[in-house]
C-alpha atoms as a PDB file:
ATOM      1  CA  LEU A   1     239.810 166.838 275.703  1.00  0.00           C
ATOM      2  CA  ILE A   2     243.532 166.066 275.983  1.00  0.00           C
ATOM      3  CA  PHE A   3     245.161 169.344 274.949  1.00  0.00           C
ATOM      4  CA  GLU A   4     242.572 172.037 275.569  1.00  0.00           C
ATOM      5  CA  GLY A   5     241.063 170.272 278.569  1.00  0.00           C
ATOM      6  CA  LYS A   6     244.564 169.440 279.857  1.00  0.00           C
ATOM      7  CA  ASN A   7     243.621 165.849 280.656  1.00  0.00           C
ATOM      8  CA  ASP A   8     246.153 163.046 280.980  1.00  0.00           C
ATOM      9  CA  PRO A   9     244.799 159.981 279.065  1.00  0.00           C
ATOM     10  CA  THR A  10     246.668 157.701 281.447  1.00  0.00           C
ATOM     11  CA  GLN A  11     244.946 159.149 284.507  1.00  0.00           C
ATOM     12  CA  ILE A  12     241.357 159.956 283.534  1.00  0.00           C
ATOM     13  CA  LEU A  13     238.560 158.187 281.659  1.00  0.00           C
ATOM     14  CA  ILE A  14     237.054 159.786 278.549  1.00  0.00           C
ATOM     15  CA  ALA A  15     233.674 160.058 280.288  1.00  0.00           C
ATOM     16  CA  GLN A  16     235.290 161.873 283.224  1.00  0.00           C
ATOM     17  CA  ALA A  17     237.119 164.211 280.866  1.00  0.00           C
ATOM     18  CA  MET A  18     233.885 165.022 279.019  1.00  0.00           C
ATOM     19  CA  ALA A  19     231.966 165.562 282.252  1.00  0.00           C
ATOM     20  CA  GLY A  20     234.583 168.052 283.449  1.00  0.00           C
ATOM     21  CA  TYR A  21     234.836 169.938 280.157  1.00  0.00           C
ATOM     22  CA  GLU A  22     233.532 173.495 280.473  1.00  0.00           C
ATOM     23  CA  ARG A  23     231.930 173.920 277.032  1.00  0.00           C
ATOM     24  CA  GLN A  24     229.447 171.035 277.132  1.00  0.00           C
ATOM     25  CA  GLN A  25     227.495 172.273 274.103  1.00  0.00           C
ATOM     26  CA  GLU A  26     230.660 172.072 272.004  1.00  0.00           C
ATOM     27  CA  ILE A  27     231.233 168.459 273.062  1.00  0.00           C
ATOM     28  CA  MET A  28     227.625 167.541 272.255  1.00  0.00           C
ATOM     29  CA  ALA A  29     227.758 169.232 268.842  1.00  0.00           C
ATOM     30  CA  ILE A  30     230.986 167.441 267.893  1.00  0.00           C
ATOM     31  CA  ALA A  31     229.560 164.120 269.099  1.00  0.00           C
ATOM     32  CA  LEU A  32     226.383 164.632 267.062  1.00  0.00           C
ATOM     33  CA  MET A  33     228.272 165.505 263.887  1.00  0.00           C
ATOM     34  CA  GLY A  34     230.753 162.657 264.294  1.00  0.00           C
ATOM     35  CA  SER A  35     228.013 160.111 264.954  1.00  0.00           C
ATOM     36  CA  ALA A  36     225.958 161.387 262.015  1.00  0.00           C
ATOM     37  CA  PHE A  37     228.913 161.020 259.637  1.00  0.00           C
ATOM     38  CA  ALA A  38     229.659 157.531 260.999  1.00  0.00           C
ATOM     39  CA  ILE A  39     226.031 156.422 260.555  1.00  0.00           C
ATOM     40  CA  ILE A  40     225.861 157.835 257.013  1.00  0.00           C
ATOM     41  CA  THR A  41     229.126 156.044 256.167  1.00  0.00           C
ATOM     42  CA  THR A  42     227.733 152.813 257.613  1.00  0.00           C
ATOM     43  CA  ILE A  43     224.595 153.066 255.462  1.00  0.00           C
ATOM     44  CA  ALA A  44     226.687 153.882 252.379  1.00  0.00           C
ATOM     45  CA  ARG A  45     228.873 150.838 252.990  1.00  0.00           C
ATOM     46  CA  GLU A  46     225.762 148.651 253.381  1.00  0.00           C
ATOM     47  CA  VAL A  47     224.514 149.902 250.003  1.00  0.00           C
ATOM     48  CA  GLN A  48     227.911 149.332 248.400  1.00  0.00           C
ATOM     49  CA  ILE A  49     228.059 145.719 249.576  1.00  0.00           C
ATOM     50  CA  ARG A  50     224.483 145.056 248.478  1.00  0.00           C
ATOM     51  CA  VAL A  51     225.126 146.532 245.026  1.00  0.00           C
ATOM     52  CA  TYR A  52     228.296 144.484 244.508  1.00  0.00           C
ATOM     53  CA  PHE A  53     226.807 141.112 245.389  1.00  0.00           C
ATOM     54  CA  THR A  54     223.523 141.864 243.582  1.00  0.00           C
ATOM     55  CA  ARG A  55     225.439 142.623 240.388  1.00  0.00           C
ATOM     56  CA  ASP A  56     227.317 139.347 240.656  1.00  0.00           C
ATOM     57  CA  GLY A  57     224.158 137.424 241.532  1.00  0.00           C
ATOM     58  CA  THR A  58     225.748 136.057 244.715  1.00  0.00           C
ATOM     59  CA  TYR A  59     223.811 138.015 247.336  1.00  0.00           C
ATOM     60  CA  THR A  60     222.739 135.025 249.422  1.00  0.00           C
ATOM     61  CA  CYS A  61     220.596 135.116 252.547  1.00  0.00           C
ATOM     62  CA  CYS A  62     223.709 134.660 254.676  1.00  0.00           C
ATOM     63  CA  LEU A  63     225.450 137.660 253.093  1.00  0.00           C
ATOM     64  CA  GLN A  64     222.276 139.742 253.391  1.00  0.00           C
ATOM     65  CA  ALA A  65     222.037 138.890 257.086  1.00  0.00           C
ATOM     66  CA  MET A  66     225.715 139.728 257.716  1.00  0.00           C
ATOM     67  CA  ASN A  67     225.382 143.024 255.866  1.00  0.00           C
ATOM     68  CA  SER A  68     222.131 144.105 257.530  1.00  0.00           C
ATOM     69  CA  ILE A  69     223.092 142.961 261.044  1.00  0.00           C
ATOM     70  CA  GLY A  70     226.480 144.642 260.747  1.00  0.00           C
ATOM     71  CA  ALA A  71     225.003 147.951 259.625  1.00  0.00           C
ATOM     72  CA  LEU A  72     222.378 147.873 262.372  1.00  0.00           C
ATOM     73  CA  ALA A  73     225.042 147.019 264.959  1.00  0.00           C
ATOM     74  CA  ASN A  74     227.211 149.991 264.021  1.00  0.00           C
ATOM     75  CA  ILE A  75     224.263 152.396 263.938  1.00  0.00           C
ATOM     76  CA  LEU A  76     223.247 151.239 267.428  1.00  0.00           C
ATOM     77  CA  ALA A  77     226.869 151.540 268.533  1.00  0.00           C
ATOM     78  CA  TYR A  78     226.903 155.242 267.689  1.00  0.00           C
ATOM     79  CA  VAL A  79     223.483 155.710 269.265  1.00  0.00           C
ATOM     80  CA  GLY A  80     225.124 154.248 272.369  1.00  0.00           C
ATOM     81  CA  TYR A  81     228.002 156.682 271.959  1.00  0.00           C
ATOM     82  CA  LEU A  82     225.539 159.578 272.006  1.00  0.00           C
ATOM     83  CA  LEU A  83     223.937 158.163 275.143  1.00  0.00           C
ATOM     84  CA  THR A  84     227.307 158.290 276.895  1.00  0.00           C
ATOM     85  CA  VAL A  85     227.835 161.905 275.818  1.00  0.00           C
ATOM     86  CA  PHE A  86     224.376 163.229 276.700  1.00  0.00           C
ATOM     87  CA  ASN A  87     224.257 161.387 280.034  1.00  0.00           C
ATOM     88  CA  LYS A  88     227.175 162.390 282.226  1.00  0.00           C
ATOM     89  CA  TYR A  89     229.497 159.905 283.895  1.00  0.00           C
ATOM     90  CA  ASP A  90     228.916 161.404 287.341  1.00  0.00           C
ATOM     91  CA  ALA A  91     225.206 162.193 286.961  1.00  0.00           C
ATOM     92  CA  GLU A  92     223.252 162.213 290.205  1.00  0.00           C
ATOM     93  CA  ASP A  93     220.136 161.003 288.385  1.00  0.00           C
ATOM     94  CA  GLU A  94     220.198 157.194 288.469  1.00  0.00           C
ATOM     95  CA  THR A  95     218.433 156.985 285.108  1.00  0.00           C
ATOM     96  CA  LYS A  96     221.079 159.114 283.400  1.00  0.00           C
ATOM     97  CA  ALA A  97     223.872 157.141 285.034  1.00  0.00           C
ATOM     98  CA  PHE A  98     222.228 153.909 283.839  1.00  0.00           C
ATOM     99  CA  LEU A  99     221.842 155.237 280.286  1.00  0.00           C
ATOM    100  CA  HIS A 100     225.501 156.205 280.294  1.00  0.00           C
ATOM    101  CA  VAL A 101     226.530 152.637 281.135  1.00  0.00           C
ATOM    102  CA  VAL A 102     224.108 151.200 278.539  1.00  0.00           C
ATOM    103  CA  GLY A 103     225.525 153.511 275.876  1.00  0.00           C
ATOM    104  CA  LEU A 104     229.071 152.562 276.826  1.00  0.00           C
ATOM    105  CA  LEU A 105     228.320 148.852 276.463  1.00  0.00           C
ATOM    106  CA  LEU A 106     226.498 149.341 273.158  1.00  0.00           C
ATOM    107  CA  PHE A 107     229.424 151.246 271.694  1.00  0.00           C
ATOM    108  CA  PHE A 108     232.216 148.961 272.875  1.00  0.00           C
ATOM    109  CA  ILE A 109     230.398 145.697 272.048  1.00  0.00           C
ATOM    110  CA  LEU A 110     228.626 146.464 268.766  1.00  0.00           C
ATOM    111  CA  ALA A 111     231.340 148.526 267.037  1.00  0.00           C
ATOM    112  CA  PRO A 112     233.932 145.689 267.139  1.00  0.00           C
ATOM    113  CA  LEU A 113     231.232 143.230 266.010  1.00  0.00           C
ATOM    114  CA  TYR A 114     230.607 145.446 262.989  1.00  0.00           C
ATOM    115  CA  ALA A 115     234.329 145.512 262.214  1.00  0.00           C
ATOM    116  CA  LEU A 116     234.554 141.713 262.207  1.00  0.00           C
ATOM    117  CA  LEU A 117     231.463 141.324 259.995  1.00  0.00           C
ATOM    118  CA  GLN A 118     232.835 143.937 257.604  1.00  0.00           C
ATOM    119  CA  SER A 119     236.154 142.135 257.358  1.00  0.00           C
ATOM    120  CA  SER A 120     234.374 138.868 256.555  1.00  0.00           C
ATOM    121  CA  LEU A 121     232.355 140.530 253.784  1.00  0.00           C
ATOM    122  CA  LEU A 122     235.430 142.314 252.470  1.00  0.00           C
ATOM    123  CA  PHE A 123     237.230 139.021 251.840  1.00  0.00           C
ATOM    124  CA  LYS A 124     234.384 138.015 249.507  1.00  0.00           C
ATOM    125  CA  GLN A 125     234.746 141.140 247.355  1.00  0.00           C
ATOM    126  CA  THR A 126     237.220 140.599 244.527  1.00  0.00           C
ATOM    127  CA  GLN A 127     237.742 144.249 243.541  1.00  0.00           C
ATOM    128  CA  TYR A 128     239.928 144.877 246.609  1.00  0.00           C
ATOM    129  CA  SER A 129     243.535 143.740 246.950  1.00  0.00           C
ATOM    130  CA  MET A 130     244.615 141.231 249.572  1.00  0.00           C
ATOM    131  CA  PHE A 131     246.700 143.931 251.257  1.00  0.00           C
ATOM    132  CA  ILE A 132     243.595 146.067 251.893  1.00  0.00           C
ATOM    133  CA  LYS A 133     241.680 143.057 253.197  1.00  0.00           C
ATOM    134  CA  ILE A 134     244.474 142.101 255.602  1.00  0.00           C
ATOM    135  CA  VAL A 135     244.790 145.686 256.898  1.00  0.00           C
ATOM    136  CA  PHE A 136     241.050 145.838 257.668  1.00  0.00           C
ATOM    137  CA  LEU A 137     241.135 142.378 259.268  1.00  0.00           C
ATOM    138  CA  LEU A 138     244.095 143.231 261.503  1.00  0.00           C
ATOM    139  CA  MET A 139     242.401 146.440 262.600  1.00  0.00           C
ATOM    140  CA  ALA A 140     239.180 144.567 263.388  1.00  0.00           C
ATOM    141  CA  VAL A 141     241.016 141.946 265.454  1.00  0.00           C
ATOM    142  CA  LEU A 142     243.035 144.617 267.260  1.00  0.00           C
ATOM    143  CA  GLU A 143     239.862 146.580 267.892  1.00  0.00           C
ATOM    144  CA  TYR A 144     238.187 143.557 269.484  1.00  0.00           C
ATOM    145  CA  ALA A 145     241.265 142.717 271.573  1.00  0.00           C
ATOM    146  CA  VAL A 146     241.581 146.288 272.881  1.00  0.00           C
ATOM    147  CA  VAL A 147     237.880 146.528 273.743  1.00  0.00           C
ATOM    148  CA  ILE A 148     237.917 143.180 275.558  1.00  0.00           C
ATOM    149  CA  GLY A 149     240.979 144.330 277.499  1.00  0.00           C
ATOM    150  CA  TYR A 150     239.206 147.525 278.492  1.00  0.00           C
ATOM    151  CA  LEU A 151     235.963 145.817 279.542  1.00  0.00           C
ATOM    152  CA  VAL A 152     237.894 143.308 281.665  1.00  0.00           C
ATOM    153  CA  LEU A 153     240.335 145.731 283.286  1.00  0.00           C
ATOM    154  CA  LYS A 154     238.041 148.807 283.367  1.00  0.00           C
ATOM    155  CA  GLU A 155     239.541 151.549 285.605  1.00  0.00           C
ATOM    156  CA  ASN A 156     242.899 149.749 285.624  1.00  0.00           C
ATOM    157  CA  ALA A 157     243.275 150.258 281.875  1.00  0.00           C
ATOM    158  CA  ILE A 158     242.339 153.897 281.325  1.00  0.00           C
ATOM    159  CA  ILE A 159     244.697 154.459 278.403  1.00  0.00           C
ATOM    160  CA  ILE A 160     243.158 151.448 276.623  1.00  0.00           C
ATOM    161  CA  GLU A 161     239.778 153.187 276.563  1.00  0.00           C
ATOM    162  CA  TRP A 162     241.244 156.161 274.686  1.00  0.00           C
ATOM    163  CA  PHE A 163     243.014 153.826 272.280  1.00  0.00           C
ATOM    164  CA  ALA A 164     239.839 151.778 271.708  1.00  0.00           C
ATOM    165  CA  VAL A 165     237.752 154.845 270.821  1.00  0.00           C
ATOM    166  CA  ALA A 166     240.466 156.115 268.462  1.00  0.00           C
ATOM    167  CA  LEU A 167     240.764 152.700 266.794  1.00  0.00           C
ATOM    168  CA  ILE A 168     237.003 152.391 266.254  1.00  0.00           C
ATOM    169  CA  SER A 169     236.895 155.849 264.682  1.00  0.00           C
ATOM    170  CA  MET A 170     239.879 155.067 262.439  1.00  0.00           C
ATOM    171  CA  TYR A 171     238.289 151.855 261.190  1.00  0.00           C
ATOM    172  CA  THR A 172     235.172 153.644 259.953  1.00  0.00           C
ATOM    173  CA  GLY A 173     237.304 156.466 258.561  1.00  0.00           C
ATOM    174  CA  LEU A 174     239.303 154.038 256.401  1.00  0.00           C
ATOM    175  CA  PHE A 175     236.168 153.225 254.409  1.00  0.00           C
ATOM    176  CA  PHE A 176     237.088 156.099 252.090  1.00  0.00           C
ATOM    177  CA  ILE A 177     239.647 153.703 250.530  1.00  0.00           C
ATOM    178  CA  LEU A 178     236.887 151.239 249.672  1.00  0.00           C
ATOM    179  CA  PHE A 179     234.781 153.966 248.050  1.00  0.00           C
ATOM    180  CA  LEU A 180     237.744 155.274 246.050  1.00  0.00           C
ATOM    181  CA  ILE A 181     238.052 151.845 244.416  1.00  0.00           C
ATOM    182  CA  ASP A 182     234.339 151.122 244.014  1.00  0.00           C
ATOM    183  CA  PRO A 183     232.379 154.386 244.540  1.00  0.00           C
ATOM    184  CA  VAL A 184     228.878 153.147 243.498  1.00  0.00           C
ATOM    185  CA  ASP A 185     228.023 156.850 243.354  1.00  0.00           C
ATOM    186  CA  ASP A 186     224.925 156.374 241.169  1.00  0.00           C
ATOM    187  CA  GLU A 187     223.411 153.867 243.583  1.00  0.00           C
ATOM    188  CA  LEU A 188     224.249 155.977 246.622  1.00  0.00           C
ATOM    189  CA  LYS A 189     222.741 159.054 245.011  1.00  0.00           C
ATOM    190  CA  GLU A 190     219.582 157.105 244.265  1.00  0.00           C
ATOM    191  CA  TYR A 191     219.413 155.649 247.779  1.00  0.00           C
ATOM    192  CA  PHE A 192     219.919 158.904 249.670  1.00  0.00           C
ATOM    193  CA  THR A 193     217.638 160.811 247.283  1.00  0.00           C
ATOM    194  CA  PHE A 194     214.665 158.485 247.183  1.00  0.00           C
ATOM    195  CA  GLY A 195     215.340 156.248 250.196  1.00  0.00           C
ATOM    196  CA  CYS A 196     214.443 152.634 250.720  1.00  0.00           C
ATOM    197  CA  CYS A 197     211.118 152.926 248.886  1.00  0.00           C
ATOM    198  CA  ARG A 198     212.902 152.495 245.552  1.00  0.00           C
ATOM    199  CA  LYS A 199     215.293 149.799 246.739  1.00  0.00           C
ATOM    200  CA  LYS A 200     213.430 146.949 245.058  1.00  0.00           C
ATOM    201  CA  SER A 201     212.994 148.637 241.708  1.00  0.00           C
ATOM    202  CA  GLY A 202     216.611 149.771 241.712  1.00  0.00           C
ATOM    203  CA  ALA A 203     217.904 146.328 242.617  1.00  0.00           C
ATOM    204  CA  SER A 204     216.488 144.753 239.461  1.00  0.00           C
ATOM    205  CA  GLU A 205     218.166 147.414 237.307  1.00  0.00           C
ATOM    206  CA  ARG A 206     221.511 147.090 239.065  1.00  0.00           C
ATOM    207  CA  LYS A 207     221.517 143.340 238.747  1.00  0.00           C
ATOM    208  CA  ASP A 208     221.925 143.629 234.980  1.00  0.00           C
ATOM    209  CA  ARG A 209     224.906 145.954 235.234  1.00  0.00           C
ATOM    210  CA  PRO A 210     228.400 144.413 235.215  1.00  0.00           C
ATOM    211  CA  SER A 211     230.330 144.435 238.474  1.00  0.00           C
ATOM    212  CA  VAL A 212     233.581 146.320 238.953  1.00  0.00           C
ATOM    213  CA  SER A 213     235.507 143.092 238.470  1.00  0.00           C
ATOM    214  CA  LYS A 214     233.816 142.579 235.091  1.00  0.00           C
ATOM    215  CA  ARG A 215     233.813 146.079 233.646  1.00  0.00           C
ATOM    216  CA  ASN A 216     237.221 145.597 232.049  1.00  0.00           C
ATOM    217  CA  ASP A 217     236.504 142.058 230.838  1.00  0.00           C
ATOM    218  CA  PRO A 218     236.822 142.131 226.996  1.00  0.00           C
ATOM    219  CA  THR A 219     234.321 139.301 226.573  1.00  0.00           C
ATOM    220  CA  VAL A 220     231.688 141.264 228.444  1.00  0.00           C
ATOM    221  CA  ASN A 221     232.422 144.430 226.478  1.00  0.00           C
ATOM    222  CA  ASN A 222     232.357 142.587 223.123  1.00  0.00           C
ATOM    223  CA  ARG A 223     229.059 140.954 224.012  1.00  0.00           C
ATOM    224  CA  ALA A 224     227.593 144.366 224.871  1.00  0.00           C
ATOM    225  CA  GLU A 225     228.771 145.748 221.521  1.00  0.00           C
ATOM    226  CA  ASP A 226     227.203 142.821 219.636  1.00  0.00           C
ATOM    227  CA  ILE A 227     223.904 143.466 221.364  1.00  0.00           C
ATOM    228  CA  GLU A 228     224.009 147.160 220.440  1.00  0.00           C
ATOM    229  CA  LEU A 229     224.802 146.328 216.778  1.00  0.00           C
ATOM    230  CA  ALA A 230     221.922 143.829 216.653  1.00  0.00           C
END
């Protein structure tokens, strides 16, 4: 939109730039793929958090609510993003114009909420360093501050809108660091293969498996060896 569309991010809103872009199908395809990847990443992160706390036996109702609400918020945020793309900024149809505004609000309100909930959950996970937790927290706070600034100033803060969208995308993209440290690949494979129908049966099996923070604990390993010998 900036380089090929020759749009100045200080002079034009993203919605205006998208509406004036010649190859609309290309924009829609990119938006669909980006939103799909973001939603899949959100679901994977929800599974990762659930697996961690279930293993440790500390998955309280409060943590479950934060995890589920956060995931739902981010999924709805990207549904809102698609609404803004598929309903043009300058649409003559009042319904489409209304859906564009609804999508805009969903994206800019729910995405920062997800970031804050994620940062709160991250501080309760011991397998990540304090540096990683602080980086995610600072990004979440900055994300919220930028979005609030945009919603208050609106057309007077055009560049902030571009920065807010980029920041939200970067936050979700940084999840790859969390999965490098604790991939939970077996659980994710099970979830995306069989879906939620096997969630309950899988949860009981995962609960007996040691968490990442305990895998290298010699007392746990020695106890497992004693059980095998017996």
